[in-house]
Amino acid sequence: MSLMDIFRKEQQDTKSASVAKERLRVLVAHDRLRHNGPEYLPQLQQEILAVIRKYVAIEENDVNVQLEQQGQTSVLELNVTLPEDD
């Protein structure tokens, strides 16, 4: 094992941790939507996913829909993680 291998391993571990953290955040957001959001929100998310898939290959967990109350206004936030161009 060379000295460079140690640095590469640390870098990979950091990247894996950040990916796992992001996935957990998405799962928690999805769970909150199911329990606290309006009934139409999961269907809305599925329809948005279907439209995006016409143009880009993405997974279901790449689309995150959140509904927030800000005073008397409801704010719909949509986050889509698009694949990187190779």
N, C-alpha and C. Protein backbone atom coordinates (compact mmCIF):
# COMPACT_ATOMS: atom_id res chain seq x y z
N MET A 1 0.85 -1.18 0.00
CA MET A 1 0.00 0.00 0.00
C MET A 1 0.89 1.24 0.00
N SER A 2 0.65 2.09 -0.95
CA SER A 2 1.45 3.31 -1.04
C SER A 2 0.79 4.44 -0.27
N LEU A 3 1.52 5.50 -0.10
CA LEU A 3 1.01 6.68 0.59
C LEU A 3 -0.17 7.28 -0.16
N MET A 4 -0.14 7.25 -1.47
CA MET A 4 -1.24 7.79 -2.28
C MET A 4 -2.52 6.98 -2.10
N ASP A 5 -2.39 5.67 -1.89
CA ASP A 5 -3.57 4.83 -1.66
C ASP A 5 -4.32 5.24 -0.41
N ILE A 6 -3.59 5.66 0.61
CA ILE A 6 -4.24 6.11 1.86
C ILE A 6 -5.08 7.35 1.59
N PHE A 7 -4.55 8.31 0.84
CA PHE A 7 -5.29 9.53 0.53
C PHE A 7 -6.50 9.24 -0.35
N ARG A 8 -6.35 8.36 -1.30
CA ARG A 8 -7.47 8.00 -2.18
C ARG A 8 -8.59 7.34 -1.38
N LYS A 9 -8.22 6.47 -0.44
CA LYS A 9 -9.23 5.79 0.38
C LYS A 9 -10.01 6.81 1.22
N GLU A 10 -9.32 7.77 1.82
CA GLU A 10 -10.00 8.80 2.62
C GLU A 10 -10.95 9.60 1.75
N GLN A 11 -10.54 9.91 0.55
CA GLN A 11 -11.38 10.67 -0.37
C GLN A 11 -12.62 9.87 -0.76
N GLN A 12 -12.46 8.58 -1.01
CA GLN A 12 -13.59 7.73 -1.37
C GLN A 12 -14.55 7.58 -0.20
N ASP A 13 -14.02 7.45 1.02
CA ASP A 13 -14.88 7.32 2.20
C ASP A 13 -15.70 8.59 2.40
N THR A 14 -15.10 9.75 2.19
CA THR A 14 -15.80 11.01 2.33
C THR A 14 -16.91 11.13 1.30
N LYS A 15 -16.62 10.71 0.07
CA LYS A 15 -17.62 10.76 -0.99
C LYS A 15 -18.77 9.81 -0.68
N SER A 16 -18.46 8.61 -0.22
CA SER A 16 -19.49 7.63 0.12
C SER A 16 -20.37 8.14 1.25
N ALA A 17 -19.76 8.78 2.22
CA ALA A 17 -20.53 9.32 3.35
C ALA A 17 -21.47 10.42 2.90
N SER A 18 -21.01 11.29 2.01
CA SER A 18 -21.87 12.38 1.55
C SER A 18 -23.02 11.85 0.69
N VAL A 19 -22.77 10.81 -0.10
CA VAL A 19 -23.82 10.20 -0.90
C VAL A 19 -24.85 9.54 0.02
N ALA A 20 -24.38 8.83 1.03
CA ALA A 20 -25.29 8.18 1.98
C ALA A 20 -26.11 9.22 2.74
N LYS A 21 -25.49 10.32 3.12
CA LYS A 21 -26.20 11.39 3.83
C LYS A 21 -27.28 11.99 2.94
N GLU A 22 -26.98 12.21 1.68
CA GLU A 22 -27.96 12.78 0.75
C GLU A 22 -29.12 11.81 0.53
N ARG A 23 -28.83 10.54 0.39
CA ARG A 23 -29.89 9.55 0.21
C ARG A 23 -30.81 9.48 1.43
N LEU A 24 -30.22 9.56 2.61
CA LEU A 24 -31.01 9.55 3.84
C LEU A 24 -31.90 10.78 3.91
N ARG A 25 -31.37 11.92 3.51
CA ARG A 25 -32.15 13.15 3.51
C ARG A 25 -33.36 13.03 2.57
N VAL A 26 -33.14 12.42 1.42
CA VAL A 26 -34.23 12.22 0.47
C VAL A 26 -35.28 11.28 1.04
N LEU A 27 -34.84 10.20 1.68
CA LEU A 27 -35.78 9.26 2.27
C LEU A 27 -36.62 9.90 3.37
N VAL A 28 -35.99 10.72 4.20
CA VAL A 28 -36.72 11.41 5.26
C VAL A 28 -37.74 12.38 4.66
N ALA A 29 -37.35 13.08 3.61
CA ALA A 29 -38.27 14.02 2.96
C ALA A 29 -39.46 13.27 2.36
N HIS A 30 -39.21 12.13 1.74
CA HIS A 30 -40.29 11.32 1.16
C HIS A 30 -41.24 10.85 2.25
N ASP A 31 -40.68 10.43 3.38
CA ASP A 31 -41.51 9.96 4.49
C ASP A 31 -42.38 11.08 5.04
N ARG A 32 -41.82 12.26 5.15
CA ARG A 32 -42.60 13.41 5.64
C ARG A 32 -43.74 13.74 4.69
N LEU A 33 -43.47 13.64 3.40
CA LEU A 33 -44.52 13.91 2.41
C LEU A 33 -45.68 12.95 2.55
N ARG A 34 -45.37 11.69 2.74
CA ARG A 34 -46.43 10.68 2.84
C ARG A 34 -47.31 10.91 4.06
N HIS A 35 -46.73 11.36 5.15
CA HIS A 35 -47.48 11.48 6.40
C HIS A 35 -48.07 12.86 6.62
N ASN A 36 -47.44 13.91 6.13
CA ASN A 36 -47.88 15.26 6.44
C ASN A 36 -48.41 16.04 5.25
N GLY A 37 -48.14 15.58 4.05
CA GLY A 37 -48.51 16.34 2.86
C GLY A 37 -49.91 16.02 2.37
N PRO A 38 -50.38 16.81 1.42
CA PRO A 38 -51.68 16.54 0.81
C PRO A 38 -51.69 15.20 0.08
N GLU A 39 -52.86 14.66 -0.13
CA GLU A 39 -52.99 13.33 -0.75
C GLU A 39 -52.46 13.31 -2.18
N TYR A 40 -52.54 14.42 -2.89
CA TYR A 40 -52.14 14.44 -4.30
C TYR A 40 -50.62 14.50 -4.49
N LEU A 41 -49.87 14.80 -3.46
CA LEU A 41 -48.43 15.01 -3.62
C LEU A 41 -47.68 13.78 -4.13
N PRO A 42 -47.90 12.57 -3.62
CA PRO A 42 -47.19 11.41 -4.19
C PRO A 42 -47.50 11.18 -5.67
N GLN A 43 -48.76 11.39 -6.05
CA GLN A 43 -49.12 11.22 -7.46
C GLN A 43 -48.45 12.31 -8.30
N LEU A 44 -48.41 13.51 -7.79
CA LEU A 44 -47.74 14.61 -8.49
C LEU A 44 -46.27 14.28 -8.71
N GLN A 45 -45.63 13.74 -7.68
CA GLN A 45 -44.23 13.37 -7.80
C GLN A 45 -44.03 12.30 -8.87
N GLN A 46 -44.91 11.30 -8.91
CA GLN A 46 -44.81 10.24 -9.92
C GLN A 46 -45.00 10.79 -11.33
N GLU A 47 -45.92 11.73 -11.49
CA GLU A 47 -46.15 12.31 -12.82
C GLU A 47 -44.97 13.17 -13.25
N ILE A 48 -44.39 13.91 -12.33
CA ILE A 48 -43.20 14.71 -12.65
C ILE A 48 -42.05 13.79 -13.05
N LEU A 49 -41.89 12.70 -12.30
CA LEU A 49 -40.85 11.72 -12.61
C LEU A 49 -41.05 11.15 -14.02
N ALA A 50 -42.28 10.83 -14.37
CA ALA A 50 -42.58 10.26 -15.70
C ALA A 50 -42.22 11.25 -16.81
N VAL A 51 -42.51 12.53 -16.60
CA VAL A 51 -42.19 13.54 -17.62
C VAL A 51 -40.68 13.69 -17.77
N ILE A 52 -39.96 13.74 -16.66
CA ILE A 52 -38.50 13.90 -16.72
C ILE A 52 -37.86 12.68 -17.39
N ARG A 53 -38.41 11.49 -17.12
CA ARG A 53 -37.86 10.26 -17.71
C ARG A 53 -38.01 10.21 -19.23
N LYS A 54 -38.88 11.02 -19.79
CA LYS A 54 -38.98 11.08 -21.25
C LYS A 54 -37.70 11.65 -21.86
N TYR A 55 -36.96 12.43 -21.07
CA TYR A 55 -35.79 13.12 -21.59
C TYR A 55 -34.48 12.64 -20.98
N VAL A 56 -34.52 12.17 -19.71
CA VAL A 56 -33.30 11.79 -18.98
C VAL A 56 -33.58 10.53 -18.18
N ALA A 57 -32.62 9.63 -18.15
CA ALA A 57 -32.76 8.41 -17.33
C ALA A 57 -32.41 8.73 -15.88
N ILE A 58 -33.43 8.74 -15.02
CA ILE A 58 -33.21 9.00 -13.61
C ILE A 58 -33.98 7.97 -12.78
N GLU A 59 -33.56 7.84 -11.53
CA GLU A 59 -34.21 6.93 -10.59
C GLU A 59 -35.30 7.67 -9.82
N GLU A 60 -36.16 6.92 -9.18
CA GLU A 60 -37.27 7.52 -8.44
C GLU A 60 -36.78 8.41 -7.30
N ASN A 61 -35.71 8.02 -6.64
CA ASN A 61 -35.22 8.83 -5.53
C ASN A 61 -34.43 10.06 -5.98
N ASP A 62 -34.33 10.28 -7.30
CA ASP A 62 -33.66 11.48 -7.82
C ASP A 62 -34.60 12.68 -7.87
N VAL A 63 -35.89 12.47 -7.59
CA VAL A 63 -36.87 13.55 -7.59
C VAL A 63 -37.38 13.72 -6.17
N ASN A 64 -37.27 14.93 -5.66
CA ASN A 64 -37.71 15.23 -4.30
C ASN A 64 -38.70 16.39 -4.36
N VAL A 65 -39.91 16.16 -3.87
CA VAL A 65 -40.96 17.18 -3.86
C VAL A 65 -41.29 17.49 -2.42
N GLN A 66 -41.27 18.77 -2.07
CA GLN A 66 -41.60 19.18 -0.71
C GLN A 66 -42.62 20.30 -0.75
N LEU A 67 -43.53 20.28 0.18
CA LEU A 67 -44.53 21.33 0.31
C LEU A 67 -44.33 21.99 1.66
N GLU A 68 -44.11 23.29 1.66
CA GLU A 68 -43.86 24.03 2.89
C GLU A 68 -44.88 25.14 3.04
N GLN A 69 -45.24 25.41 4.27
CA GLN A 69 -46.11 26.54 4.57
C GLN A 69 -45.24 27.72 5.00
N GLN A 70 -45.43 28.84 4.35
CA GLN A 70 -44.74 30.07 4.72
C GLN A 70 -45.81 31.12 4.94
N GLY A 71 -46.24 31.22 6.19
CA GLY A 71 -47.35 32.12 6.50
C GLY A 71 -48.62 31.56 5.91
N GLN A 72 -49.30 32.34 5.08
CA GLN A 72 -50.53 31.89 4.45
C GLN A 72 -50.29 31.32 3.05
N THR A 73 -49.02 31.19 2.68
CA THR A 73 -48.67 30.73 1.34
C THR A 73 -48.06 29.33 1.39
N SER A 74 -48.46 28.48 0.47
CA SER A 74 -47.84 27.17 0.33
C SER A 74 -46.78 27.24 -0.76
N VAL A 75 -45.62 26.67 -0.48
CA VAL A 75 -44.50 26.68 -1.43
C VAL A 75 -44.18 25.24 -1.80
N LEU A 76 -44.25 24.94 -3.10
CA LEU A 76 -43.91 23.62 -3.61
C LEU A 76 -42.47 23.68 -4.12
N GLU A 77 -41.61 22.88 -3.50
CA GLU A 77 -40.19 22.86 -3.88
C GLU A 77 -39.90 21.54 -4.58
N LEU A 78 -39.29 21.61 -5.73
CA LEU A 78 -38.97 20.43 -6.52
C LEU A 78 -37.46 20.40 -6.75
N ASN A 79 -36.83 19.32 -6.31
CA ASN A 79 -35.40 19.12 -6.53
C ASN A 79 -35.21 17.86 -7.35
N VAL A 80 -34.48 17.99 -8.46
CA VAL A 80 -34.22 16.87 -9.34
C VAL A 80 -32.71 16.72 -9.47
N THR A 81 -32.21 15.53 -9.18
CA THR A 81 -30.79 15.24 -9.35
C THR A 81 -30.61 14.60 -10.71
N LEU A 82 -29.97 15.33 -11.61
CA LEU A 82 -29.76 14.85 -12.97
C LEU A 82 -28.41 14.14 -13.05
N PRO A 83 -28.30 13.12 -13.89
CA PRO A 83 -27.01 12.42 -14.03
C PRO A 83 -25.98 13.34 -14.67
N GLU A 84 -24.72 13.08 -14.28
CA GLU A 84 -23.63 13.86 -14.85
C GLU A 84 -23.35 13.41 -16.27
N ASP A 85 -22.97 14.35 -17.13
CA ASP A 85 -22.57 14.00 -18.49
C ASP A 85 -21.19 13.39 -18.45
N ASP A 86 -21.03 12.24 -19.09
CA ASP A 86 -19.72 11.58 -19.11
C ASP A 86 -18.93 12.00 -20.31
